[in-house]
Amino acid sequence: MTVNPSGWRPSTPANEQGEAQTVTGNRALMLEEPLLFEIGSTEQTGVDFPEFKSNAGRLGGLDRNREIGLAGLSEPEAVRHYTRLSRQNYAIDLGLFPLGSCTMKHNPRLNEKIARMPGFADIHPLQPTDTVQGAFEVIDLVGRWLTTLTGMPAVAMSPKAGAHGELCGLLCIRAALEARGDKREVVLVPESAHGTNPATAAFAGYRVENIPANKAGRVDLEALKARLGPDVAAVMITNPNTCGLFEPDMKAISDAVHAAGALVYCDGANFNAIVGKVRPGDLGVDAMHINLHKTFSTPHGGGGPGAGPVVLSAALAPFAPLPFVEKQGDRFVLVEEETAGEHHSKSFGRMVAFHGQMGMFTRAASYMLSHGSDGLRRVAEDAVLNANYILRSLEDVLEAPFGASGPCMHEALFSDRGFGEGLSTIDVAKALIDEGFHPMTMYFPLVVHGAMLVEPTETESKASLDQFIFALRSIAGRAKSGDQALKAAPVHAPRRRLDETLAARKPVLVYKDPEPAQAAE
């Protein structure tokens, strides 16, 4: 092993497979990128500041008494660093993002243009309500679309994510039960529900019990009925479920739950598959969150703001959280603790400091208005069509455990059954990286061994689906034939396969200067 001229990155003349390597570590225009500490120096800075003289006592004794240890970079160095890193990332703007149960669909640029209009982008949540009537109207507009599409009479707009919405729904259920003097302790969660459902129920203080799935991958209705009793507060069901299947017994489930005095929470993360086609309110649902970043195309991931409005049945509407926007006469008002009055006296309280995520509301409104009701129906139809195209195009080379259960909905589910000795789902996923695709969701849902969950969404063309299918068919064929070369994938990525267990259990979160002996090896 040698050290390249800059001294910060070791390089080798060839890798383990004997492939020639470059002295810089770069692969053509895929540039090797060091850490900031390896680019800059703590002895320099890219910006000149006047000398700071601390006002004695101003910081209460917390004045810094040593160098901060951050590397100084010029502006070109900083810009190039983050631009190079961005080129090593994968995004929906680069290609198909097949994460199952996540709906990583295209974000229309019209949405971004609307969200950046000064009247939306430059407002502040503490402005007088008379100066933000337009913003309130957008919040009310999105809420009315959601109640119309779901067949539910009320909506809470303030929850900021899917799991936050789940908590909101359960707090409404708890408030409704307590209002009638009924303190129930158990929430039932089917095996095919989202993983956040049992976590949310436990966080809300409930005891969680599982309900098994039947052989078709759907809720075992008889097992559910057998467990219902006076201690059950609610059932949290995901529909369509995480096996990619619609629950045909949903109305029967709701009827049985209501007859037992409990309430029905539906996880609406997969609403994209049924929007404009099915109204959950007609199926007996009492509460359901809707991920605006999934069904209505607002940005997903990256640590940015999310939005998880919760639609509520008439039984739960009086317990909705504050604050919320309400039209009174010809103007919109913000109903808060001081203005709730007797009309909204049953609210369980507040979940957020202000009113929700305005940027997400404007993007969702743009999406709704540009598609219209007929366009949203087409969204569901095309999402289901694309998922079934993938399912039927791959079921001869990958086991589809519920392929005989009828058409899938938003996603296609496969397993690693039949792979050669020592090969598993992760090897297929890593090989997909070499083919230029982000891997699908792996090992979820837990009811399927070696699960591979693929959700193409409606925004993918047949050409992009065919390219993905071609790549996955090739990799699946290699896995079934026992091709051990898959264990080395990814070969062409900026980084080879990492020790994911060690990275999770012992992450290196602080930069330390390498020992001299290590740098010289």
Protein backbone atom coordinates (compact mmCIF):
# COMPACT_ATOMS: atom_id res chain seq x y z
CA MET A 1 0.00 0.00 0.00
CA THR A 2 1.22 3.50 -0.85
CA VAL A 3 0.31 7.03 0.18
CA ASN A 4 -0.71 9.46 -2.56
CA PRO A 5 1.17 12.76 -2.88
CA SER A 6 -1.29 14.76 -0.78
CA GLY A 7 -0.74 12.39 2.11
CA TRP A 8 -4.39 12.10 3.14
CA ARG A 9 -5.64 8.97 1.39
CA PRO A 10 -3.93 5.63 0.90
CA SER A 11 -4.27 4.10 -2.55
CA THR A 12 -3.50 0.70 -4.01
CA PRO A 13 -2.48 -0.28 -7.54
CA ALA A 14 -5.29 -2.85 -7.71
CA ASN A 15 -8.27 -3.92 -5.64
CA GLU A 16 -9.13 -7.41 -4.39
CA GLN A 17 -10.48 -8.39 -7.82
CA GLY A 18 -7.29 -7.25 -9.57
CA GLU A 19 -8.96 -4.22 -11.16
CA ALA A 20 -6.61 -1.31 -11.86
CA GLN A 21 -7.03 1.62 -9.49
CA THR A 22 -6.29 5.31 -9.93
CA VAL A 23 -3.68 7.08 -7.80
CA THR A 24 -6.27 9.66 -6.67
CA GLY A 25 -8.94 7.12 -5.77
CA ASN A 26 -11.30 8.79 -8.27
CA ARG A 27 -13.35 6.65 -10.67
CA ALA A 28 -13.57 8.76 -13.85
CA LEU A 29 -15.84 11.66 -12.84
CA MET A 30 -17.05 9.95 -9.65
CA LEU A 31 -14.69 11.79 -7.36
CA GLU A 32 -13.20 10.43 -4.18
CA GLU A 33 -14.09 12.85 -1.43
CA PRO A 34 -12.16 13.19 1.83
CA LEU A 35 -13.55 14.54 5.09
CA LEU A 36 -13.59 18.26 5.79
CA PHE A 37 -10.80 17.73 8.31
CA GLU A 38 -8.73 16.11 5.59
CA ILE A 39 -9.28 19.01 3.17
CA GLY A 40 -8.82 22.04 5.41
CA SER A 41 -6.66 22.85 8.37
CA THR A 42 -7.47 24.07 11.85
CA GLU A 43 -4.68 26.62 11.37
CA GLN A 44 -6.59 28.54 8.70
CA THR A 45 -10.02 29.99 8.01
CA GLY A 46 -11.88 30.96 4.88
CA VAL A 47 -13.43 34.06 6.46
CA ASP A 48 -11.92 37.01 8.30
CA PHE A 49 -13.68 38.14 11.46
CA PRO A 50 -12.77 41.04 13.75
CA GLU A 51 -11.17 39.91 16.97
CA PHE A 52 -13.84 39.04 19.49
CA LYS A 53 -13.51 40.46 22.95
CA SER A 54 -15.78 38.75 25.43
CA ASN A 55 -17.81 40.97 27.70
CA ALA A 56 -16.89 39.64 31.15
CA GLY A 57 -19.73 37.62 32.58
CA ARG A 58 -21.86 37.89 29.46
CA LEU A 59 -21.75 34.14 28.85
CA GLY A 60 -22.06 33.16 32.49
CA GLY A 61 -18.65 31.51 32.64
CA LEU A 62 -19.25 29.45 29.50
CA ASP A 63 -16.67 31.32 27.39
CA ARG A 64 -14.58 29.02 25.20
CA ASN A 65 -11.09 28.62 26.62
CA ARG A 66 -9.48 26.60 23.84
CA GLU A 67 -9.50 26.29 20.06
CA ILE A 68 -12.68 24.84 18.62
CA GLY A 69 -10.78 22.43 16.35
CA LEU A 70 -12.80 22.94 13.16
CA ALA A 71 -11.05 22.86 9.80
CA GLY A 72 -11.05 26.13 7.86
CA LEU A 73 -12.03 26.00 4.18
CA SER A 74 -12.30 28.55 1.42
CA GLU A 75 -15.67 28.98 -0.27
CA PRO A 76 -14.69 26.94 -3.38
CA GLU A 77 -13.43 24.11 -1.17
CA ALA A 78 -16.65 24.05 0.85
CA VAL A 79 -18.91 24.20 -2.23
CA ARG A 80 -16.98 21.50 -4.05
CA HIS A 81 -16.99 19.24 -0.99
CA TYR A 82 -20.77 19.19 -0.65
CA THR A 83 -21.37 19.08 -4.39
CA ARG A 84 -19.14 16.01 -4.70
CA LEU A 85 -20.92 14.35 -1.81
CA SER A 86 -24.29 15.07 -3.41
CA ARG A 87 -23.15 13.26 -6.56
CA GLN A 88 -22.62 10.12 -4.49
CA ASN A 89 -26.18 10.23 -3.20
CA TYR A 90 -29.25 8.75 -4.87
CA ALA A 91 -32.43 10.75 -5.35
CA ILE A 92 -35.81 10.51 -7.02
CA ASP A 93 -34.53 13.04 -9.58
CA LEU A 94 -31.93 10.48 -10.70
CA GLY A 95 -34.10 7.42 -11.14
CA LEU A 96 -36.61 4.95 -9.75
CA PHE A 97 -36.68 4.89 -5.94
CA PRO A 98 -38.29 1.50 -5.24
CA LEU A 99 -38.64 1.72 -1.44
CA GLY A 100 -41.76 -0.27 -0.59
CA SER A 101 -44.37 1.34 1.66
CA CYS A 102 -42.67 4.73 1.29
CA THR A 103 -44.10 6.12 -1.96
CA MET A 104 -40.98 7.95 -3.13
CA LYS A 105 -42.74 9.66 -6.00
CA HIS A 106 -41.66 12.57 -8.16
CA ASN A 107 -42.08 16.00 -6.54
CA PRO A 108 -43.58 18.28 -9.25
CA ARG A 109 -41.61 21.49 -9.70
CA LEU A 110 -44.87 23.44 -9.80
CA ASN A 111 -45.24 22.61 -6.10
CA GLU A 112 -41.90 24.20 -5.36
CA LYS A 113 -42.76 27.33 -7.31
CA ILE A 114 -45.99 27.76 -5.35
CA ALA A 115 -44.33 27.13 -1.98
CA ARG A 116 -41.74 29.81 -2.73
CA MET A 117 -44.24 32.55 -3.46
CA PRO A 118 -43.57 35.40 -1.00
CA GLY A 119 -47.10 35.31 0.38
CA PHE A 120 -46.47 31.77 1.58
CA ALA A 121 -42.70 31.60 2.08
CA ASP A 122 -42.25 34.87 3.96
CA ILE A 123 -45.06 34.70 6.50
CA HIS A 124 -44.59 34.07 10.21
CA PRO A 125 -46.83 32.00 12.52
CA LEU A 126 -47.08 34.89 15.00
CA GLN A 127 -48.45 37.37 12.46
CA PRO A 128 -51.91 38.83 13.17
CA THR A 129 -54.55 36.52 11.71
CA ASP A 130 -55.95 39.31 9.53
CA THR A 131 -52.65 39.37 7.60
CA VAL A 132 -52.57 35.64 6.80
CA GLN A 133 -56.09 34.98 5.60
CA GLY A 134 -54.73 33.52 2.35
CA ALA A 135 -52.54 31.04 4.20
CA PHE A 136 -55.47 30.00 6.40
CA GLU A 137 -57.56 29.51 3.29
CA VAL A 138 -54.92 27.12 1.88
CA ILE A 139 -54.90 25.12 5.13
CA ASP A 140 -58.71 24.97 5.01
CA LEU A 141 -58.62 24.00 1.32
CA VAL A 142 -56.26 21.06 1.91
CA GLY A 143 -58.36 19.98 4.89
CA ARG A 144 -61.55 19.98 2.81
CA TRP A 145 -59.89 17.90 0.09
CA LEU A 146 -58.76 15.39 2.70
CA THR A 147 -62.18 15.07 4.33
CA THR A 148 -63.84 14.73 0.91
CA LEU A 149 -61.39 12.08 -0.30
CA THR A 150 -61.70 10.06 2.91
CA GLY A 151 -65.40 10.54 3.64
CA MET A 152 -64.59 11.78 7.14
CA PRO A 153 -66.26 14.83 8.75
CA ALA A 154 -63.23 16.43 10.44
CA VAL A 155 -59.46 16.77 10.11
CA ALA A 156 -56.60 17.80 12.39
CA MET A 157 -53.97 19.52 10.25
CA SER A 158 -51.25 20.21 12.82
CA PRO A 159 -49.49 16.78 13.19
CA LYS A 160 -46.09 16.94 11.52
CA ALA A 161 -45.46 13.36 10.38
CA GLY A 162 -47.06 9.95 10.01
CA ALA A 163 -46.11 8.68 13.47
CA HIS A 164 -47.08 12.06 14.94
CA GLY A 165 -50.45 11.61 13.28
CA GLU A 166 -50.77 8.12 14.74
CA LEU A 167 -50.19 9.57 18.20
CA CYS A 168 -52.78 12.25 17.51
CA GLY A 169 -55.36 9.63 16.55
CA LEU A 170 -54.69 7.53 19.65
CA LEU A 171 -54.90 10.58 21.91
CA CYS A 172 -58.28 11.40 20.36
CA ILE A 173 -59.39 7.81 21.00
CA ARG A 174 -58.17 7.94 24.60
CA ALA A 175 -59.99 11.25 25.18
CA ALA A 176 -63.21 9.86 23.72
CA LEU A 177 -63.06 6.72 25.87
CA GLU A 178 -62.26 8.66 29.03
CA ALA A 179 -65.12 11.06 28.32
CA ARG A 180 -67.50 8.13 28.70
CA GLY A 181 -65.64 6.82 31.76
CA ASP A 182 -64.07 3.89 29.91
CA LYS A 183 -60.40 3.25 30.69
CA ARG A 184 -59.28 0.53 28.30
CA GLU A 185 -55.68 -0.67 28.21
CA VAL A 186 -55.06 -2.72 25.05
CA VAL A 187 -54.48 -1.80 21.41
CA LEU A 188 -54.60 -4.65 18.88
CA VAL A 189 -52.16 -4.45 15.95
CA PRO A 190 -52.26 -6.93 13.04
CA GLU A 191 -49.00 -8.49 11.86
CA SER A 192 -49.43 -6.74 8.50
CA ALA A 193 -49.51 -3.24 10.03
CA HIS A 194 -46.77 -0.63 9.77
CA GLY A 195 -43.98 -0.99 12.30
CA THR A 196 -44.71 2.43 13.79
CA ASN A 197 -48.20 1.35 14.86
CA PRO A 198 -47.22 -0.81 17.87
CA ALA A 199 -44.49 1.69 18.80
CA THR A 200 -47.01 4.55 18.84
CA ALA A 201 -49.52 2.56 20.86
CA ALA A 202 -46.86 1.68 23.44
CA PHE A 203 -45.70 5.31 23.56
CA ALA A 204 -49.29 6.36 24.26
CA GLY A 205 -49.32 4.02 27.26
CA TYR A 206 -51.27 1.11 25.84
CA ARG A 207 -50.41 -2.57 26.00
CA VAL A 208 -49.95 -3.92 22.49
CA GLU A 209 -51.13 -7.33 21.32
CA ASN A 210 -50.66 -8.78 17.84
CA ILE A 211 -53.35 -10.21 15.61
CA PRO A 212 -52.11 -12.88 13.15
CA ALA A 213 -52.45 -12.77 9.39
CA ASN A 214 -54.14 -15.49 7.39
CA LYS A 215 -52.51 -17.41 4.56
CA ALA A 216 -53.58 -14.75 2.08
CA GLY A 217 -51.57 -12.06 3.94
CA ARG A 218 -54.60 -10.30 5.38
CA VAL A 219 -56.02 -9.87 8.89
CA ASP A 220 -57.42 -13.06 10.40
CA LEU A 221 -60.93 -11.81 11.07
CA GLU A 222 -61.91 -14.66 13.37
CA ALA A 223 -58.77 -14.26 15.48
CA LEU A 224 -59.53 -10.56 15.81
CA LYS A 225 -63.12 -11.17 16.87
CA ALA A 226 -61.99 -13.75 19.42
CA ARG A 227 -59.66 -11.25 21.09
CA LEU A 228 -62.04 -8.28 21.24
CA GLY A 229 -63.26 -7.48 24.72
CA PRO A 230 -63.90 -4.75 27.28
CA ASP A 231 -60.15 -4.08 27.71
CA VAL A 232 -59.54 -3.28 24.01
CA ALA A 233 -59.41 0.44 23.26
CA ALA A 234 -58.67 0.29 19.54
CA VAL A 235 -57.41 -1.67 16.59
CA MET A 236 -54.61 -0.08 14.52
CA ILE A 237 -54.85 -1.48 11.03
CA THR A 238 -52.92 -0.58 7.88
CA ASN A 239 -55.00 -0.66 4.70
CA PRO A 240 -53.71 -1.36 2.11
CA ASN A 241 -51.39 -3.36 4.35
CA THR A 242 -47.63 -3.78 4.28
CA CYS A 243 -47.94 -6.95 2.23
CA GLY A 244 -49.28 -4.70 -0.53
CA LEU A 245 -52.81 -6.04 -0.19
CA PHE A 246 -56.22 -4.46 0.35
CA GLU A 247 -58.19 -5.71 3.34
CA PRO A 248 -61.52 -6.90 1.89
CA ASP A 249 -62.93 -7.53 5.39
CA MET A 250 -62.30 -3.96 6.50
CA LYS A 251 -65.99 -3.14 7.02
CA ALA A 252 -66.55 -6.37 8.94
CA ILE A 253 -63.49 -5.59 11.08
CA SER A 254 -64.80 -2.10 11.88
CA ASP A 255 -68.26 -3.42 12.71
CA ALA A 256 -66.83 -6.02 15.10
CA VAL A 257 -64.55 -3.46 16.78
CA HIS A 258 -67.38 -0.97 17.26
CA ALA A 259 -69.69 -3.67 18.62
CA ALA A 260 -67.05 -4.35 21.28
CA GLY A 261 -67.01 -0.68 22.27
CA ALA A 262 -63.59 0.03 20.73
CA LEU A 263 -62.48 2.34 17.91
CA VAL A 264 -60.68 1.86 14.60
CA TYR A 265 -57.41 3.56 13.71
CA CYS A 266 -56.29 3.16 10.10
CA ASP A 267 -52.73 3.85 9.06
CA GLY A 268 -53.10 5.93 5.90
CA ALA A 269 -49.49 5.77 4.74
CA ASN A 270 -50.58 3.67 1.76
CA PHE A 271 -53.50 5.93 0.80
CA ASN A 272 -51.77 6.55 -2.55
CA ALA A 273 -53.13 3.22 -3.80
CA ILE A 274 -56.78 4.02 -3.10
CA VAL A 275 -57.03 7.83 -3.27
CA GLY A 276 -60.11 8.81 -5.25
CA LYS A 277 -61.23 5.16 -5.35
CA VAL A 278 -62.06 4.22 -1.74
CA ARG A 279 -63.26 6.40 1.15
CA PRO A 280 -62.02 4.97 4.48
CA GLY A 281 -64.92 6.65 6.27
CA ASP A 282 -67.28 4.33 4.39
CA LEU A 283 -65.37 1.37 5.87
CA GLY A 284 -65.97 2.41 9.49
CA VAL A 285 -62.61 4.07 10.18
CA ASP A 286 -62.56 6.49 13.14
CA ALA A 287 -59.13 8.04 12.67
CA MET A 288 -56.53 7.92 9.91
CA HIS A 289 -53.36 9.92 9.31
CA ILE A 290 -52.38 10.87 5.79
CA ASN A 291 -48.73 11.39 4.85
CA LEU A 292 -48.73 14.44 2.58
CA HIS A 293 -45.19 13.48 1.55
CA LYS A 294 -46.49 10.21 0.17
CA THR A 295 -49.88 10.54 -1.48
CA PHE A 296 -49.67 14.26 -2.24
CA SER A 297 -46.05 14.52 -3.42
CA THR A 298 -44.54 16.86 -0.85
CA PRO A 299 -40.79 16.17 -0.30
CA HIS A 300 -39.90 12.98 1.54
CA GLY A 301 -36.81 12.40 3.63
CA GLY A 302 -33.70 14.45 4.14
CA GLY A 303 -34.69 15.49 7.64
CA GLY A 304 -37.00 18.21 6.39
CA PRO A 305 -40.50 19.05 7.59
CA GLY A 306 -43.25 16.52 7.13
CA ALA A 307 -47.02 16.66 7.52
CA GLY A 308 -49.41 14.00 8.80
CA PRO A 309 -52.96 15.39 8.97
CA VAL A 310 -55.46 13.14 10.74
CA VAL A 311 -59.03 12.72 9.52
CA LEU A 312 -61.56 11.93 12.25
CA SER A 313 -65.01 10.38 12.49
CA ALA A 314 -67.94 12.17 14.11
CA ALA A 315 -67.24 10.21 17.31
CA LEU A 316 -63.71 11.65 17.56
CA ALA A 317 -64.07 15.10 15.98
CA PRO A 318 -64.91 16.88 19.30
CA PHE A 319 -61.58 15.72 20.75
CA ALA A 320 -59.35 17.02 17.93
CA PRO A 321 -56.20 18.89 18.98
CA LEU A 322 -55.74 22.64 19.01
CA PRO A 323 -55.01 24.86 17.20
CA PHE A 324 -56.99 24.58 13.98
CA VAL A 325 -58.32 26.87 11.28
CA GLU A 326 -62.07 27.43 11.11
CA LYS A 327 -64.13 29.57 8.76
CA GLN A 328 -66.49 31.88 10.59
CA GLY A 329 -68.59 33.99 8.29
CA ASP A 330 -66.42 35.47 5.55
CA ARG A 331 -63.09 35.11 7.37
CA PHE A 332 -60.87 32.42 8.83
CA VAL A 333 -59.98 32.29 12.52
CA LEU A 334 -57.45 30.26 14.44
CA VAL A 335 -59.13 28.33 17.22
CA GLU A 336 -56.75 28.14 20.19
CA GLU A 337 -57.05 27.58 23.92
CA GLU A 338 -58.19 31.16 24.49
CA THR A 339 -60.87 31.04 21.76
CA ALA A 340 -62.03 27.40 21.89
CA GLY A 341 -64.97 28.16 24.14
CA GLU A 342 -67.68 25.63 24.86
CA HIS A 343 -67.90 24.62 21.21
CA HIS A 344 -64.44 22.97 21.29
CA SER A 345 -64.08 22.34 25.01
CA LYS A 346 -63.38 18.59 24.62
CA SER A 347 -60.09 18.95 22.71
CA PHE A 348 -57.34 16.80 24.23
CA GLY A 349 -54.91 19.72 23.91
CA ARG A 350 -52.05 20.83 21.71
CA MET A 351 -49.48 18.75 19.79
CA VAL A 352 -47.41 21.49 18.18
CA ALA A 353 -46.41 25.06 18.92
CA PHE A 354 -48.16 26.54 15.89
CA HIS A 355 -50.45 25.43 13.07
CA GLY A 356 -48.58 22.73 11.12
CA GLN A 357 -46.22 22.78 8.13
CA MET A 358 -47.23 25.62 5.81
CA GLY A 359 -44.71 24.68 3.13
CA MET A 360 -46.17 21.19 2.93
CA PHE A 361 -49.74 22.49 2.80
CA THR A 362 -48.97 24.74 -0.17
CA ARG A 363 -47.25 21.91 -2.03
CA ALA A 364 -50.12 19.52 -1.37
CA ALA A 365 -52.66 22.14 -2.46
CA SER A 366 -50.74 22.62 -5.70
CA TYR A 367 -50.76 18.87 -6.30
CA MET A 368 -54.47 18.51 -5.55
CA LEU A 369 -55.56 21.43 -7.72
CA SER A 370 -53.32 20.50 -10.65
CA HIS A 371 -54.59 16.90 -10.67
CA GLY A 372 -58.23 17.44 -9.83
CA SER A 373 -60.47 14.66 -8.56
CA ASP A 374 -60.21 12.70 -11.82
CA GLY A 375 -56.42 13.02 -11.80
CA LEU A 376 -56.17 11.70 -8.24
CA ARG A 377 -58.22 8.65 -9.22
CA ARG A 378 -55.76 8.11 -12.06
CA VAL A 379 -52.89 8.34 -9.54
CA ALA A 380 -54.26 5.33 -7.67
CA GLU A 381 -55.01 3.40 -10.84
CA ASP A 382 -51.54 3.90 -12.30
CA ALA A 383 -49.79 3.19 -9.00
CA VAL A 384 -51.62 -0.14 -8.74
CA LEU A 385 -51.00 -0.91 -12.41
CA ASN A 386 -47.25 -0.29 -12.07
CA ALA A 387 -46.98 -2.42 -8.92
CA ASN A 388 -48.79 -5.33 -10.56
CA TYR A 389 -46.62 -5.01 -13.66
CA ILE A 390 -43.54 -5.48 -11.48
CA LEU A 391 -45.14 -8.34 -9.53
CA ARG A 392 -46.14 -10.34 -12.59
CA SER A 393 -42.90 -9.59 -14.45
CA LEU A 394 -40.74 -11.01 -11.66
CA GLU A 395 -42.79 -13.73 -9.97
CA ASP A 396 -41.22 -16.40 -12.17
CA VAL A 397 -37.70 -15.60 -10.88
CA LEU A 398 -38.50 -14.33 -7.36
CA GLU A 399 -40.94 -15.98 -5.01
CA ALA A 400 -44.03 -13.79 -4.51
CA PRO A 401 -45.50 -15.18 -1.27
CA PHE A 402 -48.90 -13.58 -1.82
CA GLY A 403 -48.89 -13.60 -5.60
CA ALA A 404 -51.91 -15.91 -5.60
CA SER A 405 -53.90 -13.61 -3.29
CA GLY A 406 -55.10 -11.52 -6.21
CA PRO A 407 -53.81 -8.20 -7.54
CA CYS A 408 -51.49 -6.29 -5.25
CA MET A 409 -52.09 -2.64 -4.52
CA HIS A 410 -49.27 -0.10 -4.24
CA GLU A 411 -46.32 -2.48 -3.89
CA ALA A 412 -45.04 -5.89 -4.90
CA LEU A 413 -43.64 -8.25 -2.25
CA PHE A 414 -40.98 -10.89 -2.87
CA SER A 415 -38.85 -13.21 -0.71
CA ASP A 416 -35.37 -14.77 -0.91
CA ARG A 417 -36.70 -18.31 -1.06
CA GLY A 418 -34.81 -20.42 -3.59
CA PHE A 419 -31.55 -18.48 -3.48
CA GLY A 420 -28.28 -20.40 -3.64
CA GLU A 421 -26.42 -21.37 -0.49
CA GLY A 422 -25.19 -18.41 1.54
CA LEU A 423 -27.02 -15.81 -0.56
CA SER A 424 -29.81 -13.62 0.78
CA THR A 425 -31.82 -10.47 0.25
CA ILE A 426 -28.97 -8.13 1.16
CA ASP A 427 -26.82 -9.54 -1.65
CA VAL A 428 -29.55 -8.72 -4.17
CA ALA A 429 -29.90 -5.23 -2.70
CA LYS A 430 -26.16 -4.53 -2.91
CA ALA A 431 -26.03 -5.81 -6.49
CA LEU A 432 -28.81 -3.39 -7.41
CA ILE A 433 -26.51 -0.53 -6.38
CA ASP A 434 -24.00 -1.70 -8.99
CA GLU A 435 -26.81 -1.58 -11.56
CA GLY A 436 -27.55 2.06 -10.68
CA PHE A 437 -30.66 1.57 -8.53
CA HIS A 438 -31.38 2.34 -4.91
CA PRO A 439 -32.32 -0.97 -3.23
CA MET A 440 -35.91 -1.77 -2.38
CA THR A 441 -37.11 -2.04 1.22
CA MET A 442 -35.47 -5.14 2.72
CA TYR A 443 -36.58 -7.57 5.42
CA PHE A 444 -39.93 -5.86 5.89
CA PRO A 445 -42.67 -6.86 6.51
CA LEU A 446 -41.43 -9.32 9.09
CA VAL A 447 -44.09 -11.89 8.17
CA VAL A 448 -42.06 -12.77 5.04
CA HIS A 449 -38.55 -14.24 5.31
CA GLY A 450 -36.00 -12.20 3.38
CA ALA A 451 -38.67 -9.77 2.25
CA MET A 452 -38.10 -7.44 -0.69
CA LEU A 453 -40.78 -4.75 -0.96
CA VAL A 454 -40.96 -2.74 -4.19
CA GLU A 455 -43.20 0.31 -4.68
CA PRO A 456 -42.84 1.95 -8.10
CA THR A 457 -45.55 4.65 -7.66
CA GLU A 458 -47.54 6.07 -10.55
CA THR A 459 -44.83 8.48 -11.70
CA GLU A 460 -42.62 5.82 -13.28
CA SER A 461 -42.87 5.16 -17.00
CA LYS A 462 -43.01 1.68 -18.49
CA ALA A 463 -39.48 2.23 -19.83
CA SER A 464 -38.06 2.90 -16.36
CA LEU A 465 -39.94 -0.08 -14.93
CA ASP A 466 -38.62 -2.33 -17.70
CA GLN A 467 -35.06 -1.25 -16.97
CA PHE A 468 -35.49 -2.01 -13.26
CA ILE A 469 -37.14 -5.36 -14.00
CA PHE A 470 -34.34 -6.28 -16.41
CA ALA A 471 -31.71 -5.56 -13.76
CA LEU A 472 -33.55 -7.38 -10.97
CA ARG A 473 -34.26 -10.42 -13.15
CA SER A 474 -30.57 -10.73 -13.92
CA ILE A 475 -29.57 -10.44 -10.26
CA ALA A 476 -32.30 -12.86 -9.15
CA GLY A 477 -31.08 -15.40 -11.69
CA ARG A 478 -27.54 -15.11 -10.35
CA ALA A 479 -28.79 -15.51 -6.76
CA LYS A 480 -30.78 -18.64 -7.60
CA SER A 481 -27.80 -20.15 -9.41
CA GLY A 482 -25.61 -19.58 -6.35
CA ASP A 483 -23.28 -16.96 -7.89
CA GLN A 484 -21.03 -16.16 -4.93
CA ALA A 485 -19.71 -13.06 -6.69
CA LEU A 486 -22.83 -11.32 -5.38
CA LYS A 487 -21.28 -11.40 -1.91
CA ALA A 488 -18.75 -8.79 -3.09
CA ALA A 489 -21.36 -6.30 -4.37
CA PRO A 490 -21.37 -3.37 -4.69
CA VAL A 491 -18.17 -3.30 -6.73
CA HIS A 492 -18.68 -0.03 -8.64
CA ALA A 493 -20.03 2.18 -5.85
CA PRO A 494 -17.88 4.87 -4.17
CA ARG A 495 -17.70 2.56 -1.14
CA ARG A 496 -17.68 -1.21 -0.97
CA ARG A 497 -19.98 -3.19 1.30
CA LEU A 498 -19.84 -1.88 4.85
CA ASP A 499 -20.12 -3.75 8.13
CA GLU A 500 -23.67 -2.57 8.85
CA THR A 501 -23.89 -4.26 12.25
CA LEU A 502 -20.69 -2.60 13.47
CA ALA A 503 -21.77 0.73 11.97
CA ALA A 504 -25.05 0.57 13.89
CA ARG A 505 -23.59 -0.58 17.20
CA LYS A 506 -20.31 1.33 17.20
CA PRO A 507 -20.74 4.35 14.95
CA VAL A 508 -17.77 6.67 14.59
CA LEU A 509 -19.33 10.08 15.17
CA VAL A 510 -16.28 12.15 16.14
CA TYR A 511 -13.29 12.85 13.92
CA LYS A 512 -9.90 12.02 15.40
CA ASP A 513 -6.52 12.66 13.82
CA PRO A 514 -5.06 9.35 12.60
CA GLU A 515 -2.15 7.95 14.52
CA PRO A 516 1.20 8.57 12.75
CA ALA A 517 1.82 4.84 12.46
CA GLN A 518 -1.49 4.36 10.64
CA ALA A 519 -0.82 7.20 8.22
CA ALA A 520 2.58 5.73 7.31
CA GLU A 521 1.41 2.21 6.61
